[in-house]
PDB file of N, CA and C in Angstrom:
ATOM      1  N   MET A   1       1.101  -1.116   0.039  1.00  0.00           N
ATOM      2  CA  MET A   1      -0.370  -0.193  -0.128  1.00  0.00           C
ATOM      3  C   MET A   1       0.909   1.700  -0.106  1.00  0.00           C
ATOM      4  N   ASN A   2       0.305   2.380  -0.682  1.00  0.00           N
ATOM      5  CA  ASN A   2       1.574   3.492  -0.627  1.00  0.00           C
ATOM      6  C   ASN A   2       1.283   4.278   0.227  1.00  0.00           C
ATOM      7  N   HIS A   3       1.688   5.056   1.066  1.00  0.00           N
ATOM      8  CA  HIS A   3       1.989   5.572   2.094  1.00  0.00           C
ATOM      9  C   HIS A   3       1.549   7.413   1.647  1.00  0.00           C
ATOM     10  N   ARG A   4       2.121   7.072   0.382  1.00  0.00           N
ATOM     11  CA  ARG A   4       2.185   8.888   0.204  1.00  0.00           C
ATOM     12  C   ARG A   4       1.291   9.510  -0.223  1.00  0.00           C
ATOM     13  N   PRO A   5       1.172  11.019   0.037  1.00  0.00           N
ATOM     14  CA  PRO A   5       0.339  11.701  -0.586  1.00  0.00           C
ATOM     15  C   PRO A   5       0.074  12.021  -2.081  1.00  0.00           C
ATOM     16  N   ASN A   6      -1.124  12.104  -2.381  1.00  0.00           N
ATOM     17  CA  ASN A   6      -0.876  12.924  -3.844  1.00  0.00           C
ATOM     18  C   ASN A   6      -1.002  14.042  -4.169  1.00  0.00           C
ATOM     19  N   ILE A   7      -0.050  13.885  -5.272  1.00  0.00           N
ATOM     20  CA  ILE A   7       0.358  15.535  -5.295  1.00  0.00           C
ATOM     21  C   ILE A   7      -0.254  16.801  -5.113  1.00  0.00           C
ATOM     22  N   ALA A   8      -2.007  16.559  -5.734  1.00  0.00           N
ATOM     23  CA  ALA A   8      -2.849  17.678  -5.228  1.00  0.00           C
ATOM     24  C   ALA A   8      -2.688  17.768  -3.419  1.00  0.00           C
ATOM     25  N   ALA A   9      -2.388  16.548  -2.733  1.00  0.00           N
ATOM     26  CA  ALA A   9      -2.975  17.035  -1.359  1.00  0.00           C
ATOM     27  C   ALA A   9      -1.450  17.745  -1.082  1.00  0.00           C
ATOM     28  N   ARG A  10      -0.371  17.311  -1.583  1.00  0.00           N
ATOM     29  CA  ARG A  10       0.505  17.683  -1.639  1.00  0.00           C
ATOM     30  C   ARG A  10       0.664  19.224  -1.671  1.00  0.00           C
ATOM     31  N   VAL A  11       0.509  19.636  -2.496  1.00  0.00           N
ATOM     32  CA  VAL A  11       0.513  21.240  -3.296  1.00  0.00           C
ATOM     33  C   VAL A  11      -0.189  21.994  -1.954  1.00  0.00           C
ATOM     34  N   GLY A  12      -1.744  21.274  -1.904  1.00  0.00           N
ATOM     35  CA  GLY A  12      -2.378  22.329  -1.512  1.00  0.00           C
ATOM     36  C   GLY A  12      -1.482  22.125   0.203  1.00  0.00           C
ATOM     37  N   PHE A  13      -1.235  21.347   0.730  1.00  0.00           N
ATOM     38  CA  PHE A  13      -0.447  21.772   2.362  1.00  0.00           C
ATOM     39  C   PHE A  13       0.387  22.430   1.860  1.00  0.00           C
ATOM     40  N   TYR A  14       1.226  22.451   1.097  1.00  0.00           N
ATOM     41  CA  TYR A  14       2.001  23.484   0.339  1.00  0.00           C
ATOM     42  C   TYR A  14       1.579  25.177   0.546  1.00  0.00           C
ATOM     43  N   LEU A  15       0.739  25.431  -0.032  1.00  0.00           N
ATOM     44  CA  LEU A  15       0.428  26.576  -0.222  1.00  0.00           C
ATOM     45  C   LEU A  15      -0.751  26.776   0.788  1.00  0.00           C
ATOM     46  N   TRP A  16      -1.040  26.042   1.710  1.00  0.00           N
ATOM     47  CA  TRP A  16      -1.460  26.551   3.264  1.00  0.00           C
ATOM     48  C   TRP A  16      -0.596  27.108   4.165  1.00  0.00           C
ATOM     49  N   ARG A  17       0.305  26.015   4.135  1.00  0.00           N
ATOM     50  CA  ARG A  17       1.804  26.814   4.604  1.00  0.00           C
ATOM     51  C   ARG A  17       2.309  27.492   4.342  1.00  0.00           C
ATOM     52  N   GLY A  18       2.285  28.123   3.312  1.00  0.00           N
ATOM     53  CA  GLY A  18       2.594  30.020   2.909  1.00  0.00           C
ATOM     54  C   GLY A  18       2.172  30.683   2.981  1.00  0.00           C
ATOM     55  N   GLY A  19       0.574  29.997   3.203  1.00  0.00           N
ATOM     56  CA  GLY A  19      -0.314  31.672   3.282  1.00  0.00           C
ATOM     57  C   GLY A  19      -0.607  31.707   5.236  1.00  0.00           C
ATOM     58  N   LEU A  20       0.064  30.817   5.674  1.00  0.00           N
ATOM     59  CA  LEU A  20       0.206  30.874   7.169  1.00  0.00           C
ATOM     60  C   LEU A  20       1.474  31.578   7.353  1.00  0.00           C
ATOM     61  N   ALA A  21       2.246  31.624   6.951  1.00  0.00           N
ATOM     62  CA  ALA A  21       3.783  32.221   6.855  1.00  0.00           C
ATOM     63  C   ALA A  21       3.551  33.840   6.636  1.00  0.00           C
ATOM     64  N   VAL A  22       2.435  33.884   5.476  1.00  0.00           N
ATOM     65  CA  VAL A  22       2.532  35.082   5.034  1.00  0.00           C
ATOM     66  C   VAL A  22       1.983  36.008   5.720  1.00  0.00           C
ATOM     67  N   VAL A  23       0.615  35.598   6.102  1.00  0.00           N
ATOM     68  CA  VAL A  23      -0.216  35.695   7.376  1.00  0.00           C
ATOM     69  C   VAL A  23       0.200  36.354   8.617  1.00  0.00           C
ATOM     70  N   ALA A  24       1.099  35.559   9.293  1.00  0.00           N
ATOM     71  CA  ALA A  24       1.972  35.660  10.298  1.00  0.00           C
ATOM     72  C   ALA A  24       2.810  36.688   9.837  1.00  0.00           C
ATOM     73  N   VAL A  25       3.919  37.132   9.079  1.00  0.00           N
ATOM     74  CA  VAL A  25       4.687  37.857   8.703  1.00  0.00           C
ATOM     75  C   VAL A  25       4.034  39.326   8.646  1.00  0.00           C
ATOM     76  N   TYR A  26       3.086  39.150   7.910  1.00  0.00           N
ATOM     77  CA  TYR A  26       2.339  40.766   8.094  1.00  0.00           C
ATOM     78  C   TYR A  26       1.699  40.451   9.500  1.00  0.00           C
ATOM     79  N   LEU A  27       0.765  39.671   9.995  1.00  0.00           N
ATOM     80  CA  LEU A  27       1.082  40.177  11.696  1.00  0.00           C
ATOM     81  C   LEU A  27       1.498  40.872  13.127  1.00  0.00           C
ATOM     82  N   ALA A  28       2.962  39.809  12.167  1.00  0.00           N
ATOM     83  CA  ALA A  28       4.063  40.545  13.014  1.00  0.00           C
ATOM     84  C   ALA A  28       4.309  42.445  12.409  1.00  0.00           C
ATOM     85  N   TRP A  29       4.396  42.107  11.183  1.00  0.00           N
ATOM     86  CA  TRP A  29       5.159  43.878  10.810  1.00  0.00           C
ATOM     87  C   TRP A  29       3.930  44.911  11.241  1.00  0.00           C
ATOM     88  N   GLU A  30       3.104  44.540  11.127  1.00  0.00           N
ATOM     89  CA  GLU A  30       2.278  45.272  11.236  1.00  0.00           C
ATOM     90  C   GLU A  30       2.165  45.738  13.296  1.00  0.00           C
ATOM     91  N   GLY A  31       1.587  44.625  14.062  1.00  0.00           N
ATOM     92  CA  GLY A  31       1.790  44.522  15.470  1.00  0.00           C
ATOM     93  C   GLY A  31       3.098  45.567  15.678  1.00  0.00           C
ATOM     94  N   THR A  32       4.446  45.077  15.036  1.00  0.00           N
ATOM     95  CA  THR A  32       5.274  46.031  15.675  1.00  0.00           C
ATOM     96  C   THR A  32       5.063  47.602  15.631  1.00  0.00           C
ATOM     97  N   TRP A  33       5.013  47.639  14.340  1.00  0.00           N
ATOM     98  CA  TRP A  33       4.538  49.139  13.769  1.00  0.00           C
ATOM     99  C   TRP A  33       3.569  50.240  14.857  1.00  0.00           C
ATOM    100  N   ARG A  34       2.722  48.922  14.810  1.00  0.00           N
ATOM    101  CA  ARG A  34       1.585  49.526  16.007  1.00  0.00           C
ATOM    102  C   ARG A  34       2.028  49.509  17.403  1.00  0.00           C
ATOM    103  N   LEU A  35       2.460  48.816  17.710  1.00  0.00           N
ATOM    104  CA  LEU A  35       3.385  49.128  19.236  1.00  0.00           C
ATOM    105  C   LEU A  35       4.364  50.087  19.349  1.00  0.00           C
ATOM    106  N   TRP A  36       4.562  50.557  18.484  1.00  0.00           N
ATOM    107  CA  TRP A  36       6.068  51.155  18.313  1.00  0.00           C
ATOM    108  C   TRP A  36       5.182  52.439  18.419  1.00  0.00           C
ATOM    109  N   ASP A  37       4.088  52.736  17.588  1.00  0.00           N
ATOM    110  CA  ASP A  37       3.814  53.841  18.088  1.00  0.00           C
ATOM    111  C   ASP A  37       2.761  54.003  19.163  1.00  0.00           C
ATOM    112  N   VAL A  38       2.113  52.886  19.785  1.00  0.00           N
ATOM    113  CA  VAL A  38       1.685  53.239  21.100  1.00  0.00           C
ATOM    114  C   VAL A  38       2.614  53.535  22.006  1.00  0.00           C
ATOM    115  N   LEU A  39       4.005  53.201  22.023  1.00  0.00           N
ATOM    116  CA  LEU A  39       5.059  53.610  23.014  1.00  0.00           C
ATOM    117  C   LEU A  39       5.512  54.630  22.718  1.00  0.00           C
ATOM    118  N   ARG A  40       5.313  55.397  21.520  1.00  0.00           N
ATOM    119  CA  ARG A  40       6.087  56.964  21.664  1.00  0.00           C
ATOM    120  C   ARG A  40       5.025  57.431  21.810  1.00  0.00           C
ATOM    121  N   VAL A  41       3.437  57.168  21.605  1.00  0.00           N
ATOM    122  CA  VAL A  41       2.763  58.153  22.279  1.00  0.00           C
ATOM    123  C   VAL A  41       3.000  58.182  23.693  1.00  0.00           C
ATOM    124  N   VAL A  42       2.902  57.046  24.213  1.00  0.00           N
ATOM    125  CA  VAL A  42       2.842  57.396  25.822  1.00  0.00           C
ATOM    126  C   VAL A  42       4.194  58.105  26.430  1.00  0.00           C
ATOM    127  N   GLY A  43       4.982  58.228  25.852  1.00  0.00           N
ATOM    128  CA  GLY A  43       6.338  58.883  26.250  1.00  0.00           C
ATOM    129  C   GLY A  43       7.208  57.627  27.025  1.00  0.00           C
ATOM    130  N   LEU A  44       7.235  56.518  27.312  1.00  0.00           N
ATOM    131  CA  LEU A  44       7.910  56.252  27.775  1.00  0.00           C
ATOM    132  C   LEU A  44       9.586  55.691  27.498  1.00  0.00           C
ATOM    133  N   PRO A  45      10.499  55.843  28.121  1.00  0.00           N
ATOM    134  CA  PRO A  45      12.200  56.523  27.946  1.00  0.00           C
ATOM    135  C   PRO A  45      11.986  55.193  26.986  1.00  0.00           C
ATOM    136  N   TRP A  46      13.258  55.291  26.015  1.00  0.00           N
ATOM    137  CA  TRP A  46      13.842  54.676  25.003  1.00  0.00           C
ATOM    138  C   TRP A  46      14.197  53.160  25.792  1.00  0.00           C
ATOM    139  N   LEU A  47      14.700  53.965  26.807  1.00  0.00           N
ATOM    140  CA  LEU A  47      15.517  51.915  27.271  1.00  0.00           C
ATOM    141  C   LEU A  47      14.398  50.794  27.187  1.00  0.00           C
ATOM    142  N   VAL A  48      12.953  51.684  28.125  1.00  0.00           N
ATOM    143  CA  VAL A  48      12.039  51.006  28.643  1.00  0.00           C
ATOM    144  C   VAL A  48      11.159  50.400  26.975  1.00  0.00           C
ATOM    145  N   ALA A  49      11.339  51.168  25.662  1.00  0.00           N
ATOM    146  CA  ALA A  49      10.809  50.353  24.681  1.00  0.00           C
ATOM    147  C   ALA A  49      11.682  49.803  24.178  1.00  0.00           C
ATOM    148  N   ILE A  50      13.235  50.155  24.450  1.00  0.00           N
ATOM    149  CA  ILE A  50      14.173  48.837  23.501  1.00  0.00           C
ATOM    150  C   ILE A  50      13.314  47.654  24.563  1.00  0.00           C
ATOM    151  N   GLY A  51      13.582  47.704  25.446  1.00  0.00           N
ATOM    152  CA  GLY A  51      13.327  46.281  26.222  1.00  0.00           C
ATOM    153  C   GLY A  51      11.806  45.854  26.036  1.00  0.00           C
ATOM    154  N   VAL A  52      11.118  46.349  25.877  1.00  0.00           N
ATOM    155  CA  VAL A  52       9.956  45.936  25.039  1.00  0.00           C
ATOM    156  C   VAL A  52      10.126  44.638  24.017  1.00  0.00           C
ATOM    157  N   PHE A  53      10.816  45.393  22.681  1.00  0.00           N
ATOM    158  CA  PHE A  53      10.835  44.966  22.160  1.00  0.00           C
ATOM    159  C   PHE A  53      11.732  43.737  22.304  1.00  0.00           C
ATOM    160  N   LEU A  54      12.955  43.850  22.437  1.00  0.00           N
ATOM    161  CA  LEU A  54      13.717  42.840  22.760  1.00  0.00           C
ATOM    162  C   LEU A  54      13.230  41.615  23.706  1.00  0.00           C
ATOM    163  N   LEU A  55      12.125  41.653  24.744  1.00  0.00           N
ATOM    164  CA  LEU A  55      11.527  40.527  25.492  1.00  0.00           C
ATOM    165  C   LEU A  55      11.093  39.753  24.482  1.00  0.00           C
ATOM    166  N   GLY A  56      10.122  40.848  22.947  1.00  0.00           N
ATOM    167  CA  GLY A  56       9.272  40.295  21.960  1.00  0.00           C
ATOM    168  C   GLY A  56      10.414  39.424  21.247  1.00  0.00           C
ATOM    169  N   ALA A  57      11.123  40.103  20.664  1.00  0.00           N
ATOM    170  CA  ALA A  57      12.382  38.900  20.019  1.00  0.00           C
ATOM    171  C   ALA A  57      12.941  37.841  20.746  1.00  0.00           C
ATOM    172  N   GLY A  58      13.017  37.915  21.606  1.00  0.00           N
ATOM    173  CA  GLY A  58      13.097  36.482  23.016  1.00  0.00           C
ATOM    174  C   GLY A  58      12.188  35.698  22.742  1.00  0.00           C
ATOM    175  N   PHE A  59      11.394  36.465  23.199  1.00  0.00           N
ATOM    176  CA  PHE A  59       9.815  35.251  22.723  1.00  0.00           C
ATOM    177  C   PHE A  59       9.523  34.431  21.360  1.00  0.00           C
ATOM    178  N   VAL A  60       9.506  34.774  20.353  1.00  0.00           N
ATOM    179  CA  VAL A  60       9.619  34.870  19.542  1.00  0.00           C
ATOM    180  C   VAL A  60      10.522  33.675  18.767  1.00  0.00           C
ATOM    181  N   ILE A  61      12.360  34.038  19.733  1.00  0.00           N
ATOM    182  CA  ILE A  61      13.036  33.031  18.921  1.00  0.00           C
ATOM    183  C   ILE A  61      13.171  31.796  19.648  1.00  0.00           C
ATOM    184  N   PHE A  62      12.379  31.649  21.149  1.00  0.00           N
ATOM    185  CA  PHE A  62      11.784  31.019  22.213  1.00  0.00           C
ATOM    186  C   PHE A  62      10.669  29.902  21.363  1.00  0.00           C
ATOM    187  N   VAL A  63       9.769  30.843  21.104  1.00  0.00           N
ATOM    188  CA  VAL A  63       9.031  29.916  20.270  1.00  0.00           C
ATOM    189  C   VAL A  63       9.276  29.203  19.552  1.00  0.00           C
ATOM    190  N   GLY A  64      10.125  29.911  18.324  1.00  0.00           N
ATOM    191  CA  GLY A  64      10.906  29.317  17.228  1.00  0.00           C
ATOM    192  C   GLY A  64      11.485  28.414  17.337  1.00  0.00           C
ATOM    193  N   SER A  65      12.294  27.946  18.669  1.00  0.00           N
ATOM    194  CA  SER A  65      13.656  26.947  18.386  1.00  0.00           C
ATOM    195  C   SER A  65      12.627  25.681  19.173  1.00  0.00           C
ATOM    196  N   PHE A  66      11.450  25.829  19.959  1.00  0.00           N
ATOM    197  CA  PHE A  66      10.282  25.302  20.541  1.00  0.00           C
ATOM    198  C   PHE A  66       9.876  24.389  19.059  1.00  0.00           C
ATOM    199  N   ILE A  67       9.385  25.243  18.678  1.00  0.00           N
ATOM    200  CA  ILE A  67       8.655  24.473  17.133  1.00  0.00           C
ATOM    201  C   ILE A  67       9.459  23.934  16.601  1.00  0.00           C
ATOM    202  N   LEU A  68      10.965  24.045  16.020  1.00  0.00           N
ATOM    203  CA  LEU A  68      11.653  23.272  15.180  1.00  0.00           C
ATOM    204  C   LEU A  68      12.644  22.386  15.648  1.00  0.00           C
ATOM    205  N   GLU A  69      12.992  22.378  17.502  1.00  0.00           N
ATOM    206  CA  GLU A  69      12.899  21.428  17.673  1.00  0.00           C
ATOM    207  C   GLU A  69      11.545  19.941  17.849  1.00  0.00           C
ATOM    208  N   ARG A  70      10.636  20.388  17.818  1.00  0.00           N
ATOM    209  CA  ARG A  70       9.838  19.151  17.971  1.00  0.00           C
ATOM    210  C   ARG A  70       9.281  19.109  16.806  1.00  0.00           C
ATOM    211  N   MET A  71       9.839  19.300  15.434  1.00  0.00           N
ATOM    212  CA  MET A  71       9.901  18.976  13.895  1.00  0.00           C
ATOM    213  C   MET A  71      10.970  18.104  13.750  1.00  0.00           C
ATOM    214  N   VAL A  72      11.903  18.338  14.769  1.00  0.00           N
ATOM    215  CA  VAL A  72      12.773  17.096  15.023  1.00  0.00           C
ATOM    216  C   VAL A  72      12.957  15.712  15.482  1.00  0.00           C
ATOM    217  N   ASP A  73      11.890  15.890  16.581  1.00  0.00           N
ATOM    218  CA  ASP A  73      11.619  15.164  17.399  1.00  0.00           C
ATOM    219  C   ASP A  73      10.333  14.446  16.698  1.00  0.00           C
ATOM    220  N   ALA A  74       9.808  14.853  16.335  1.00  0.00           N
ATOM    221  CA  ALA A  74       8.538  14.226  14.926  1.00  0.00           C
ATOM    222  C   ALA A  74       9.065  13.418  14.595  1.00  0.00           C
ATOM    223  N   LYS A  75      10.289  14.099  13.903  1.00  0.00           N
ATOM    224  CA  LYS A  75      10.946  13.164  12.237  1.00  0.00           C
ATOM    225  C   LYS A  75      11.561  12.330  12.859  1.00  0.00           C
ATOM    226  N   ALA A  76      12.006  11.790  13.677  1.00  0.00           N
ATOM    227  CA  ALA A  76      12.629  10.847  14.456  1.00  0.00           C
ATOM    228  C   ALA A  76      12.144  10.312  15.405  1.00  0.00           C
ATOM    229  N   GLU A  77      10.751  10.201  15.731  1.00  0.00           N
ATOM    230  CA  GLU A  77       9.797   8.958  16.381  1.00  0.00           C
ATOM    231  C   GLU A  77       9.082   8.579  15.146  1.00  0.00           C
ATOM    232  N   ARG A  78       9.502   9.064  13.528  1.00  0.00           N
ATOM    233  CA  ARG A  78       8.610   8.125  13.048  1.00  0.00           C
ATOM    234  C   ARG A  78       9.485   6.844  12.005  1.00  0.00           C
ATOM    235  N   GLY A  79      10.509   6.949  12.902  1.00  0.00           N
ATOM    236  CA  GLY A  79      11.022   5.694  12.639  1.00  0.00           C
ATOM    237  C   GLY A  79      10.936   4.856  13.829  1.00  0.00           C
ATOM    238  N   LEU A  80      10.127   4.820  14.855  1.00  0.00           N
ATOM    239  CA  LEU A  80       9.602   4.361  15.926  1.00  0.00           C
ATOM    240  C   LEU A  80       8.423   3.484  15.972  1.00  0.00           C
ATOM    241  N   ARG A  81       7.644   3.020  14.778  1.00  0.00           N
ATOM    242  CA  ARG A  81       6.578   3.027  14.800  1.00  0.00           C
ATOM    243  C   ARG A  81       6.362   1.690  14.361  1.00  0.00           C
ATOM    244  N   ASP A  82       5.468   1.293  14.735  1.00  0.00           N
ATOM    245  CA  ASP A  82       5.413  -0.463  14.634  1.00  0.00           C
ATOM    246  C   ASP A  82       4.436  -1.119  13.409  1.00  0.00           C
ATOM    247  N   LEU A  83       4.967  -1.484  12.180  1.00  0.00           N
ATOM    248  CA  LEU A  83       4.066  -1.341  10.848  1.00  0.00           C
ATOM    249  C   LEU A  83       3.409  -2.984  10.952  1.00  0.00           C
TER     250      LEU A  83
END
């Protein structure tokens, strides 16, 4: 039995993932600039504003590394399946 998905399912999956990536990048871009505008209007010291952005960047890196680690673990676990 062939366990490989057909080409239409694979293309659809890649398009879906690409769309998610584009939306995530757009929302991050807009959110960053809106947050910057809010911090500027509020009048926070610039070190606090930089701290907020560094906090956000650290969170994004943390979540990204968690996702990548999970992907690597998932690939390793595929070899452990009983067929």
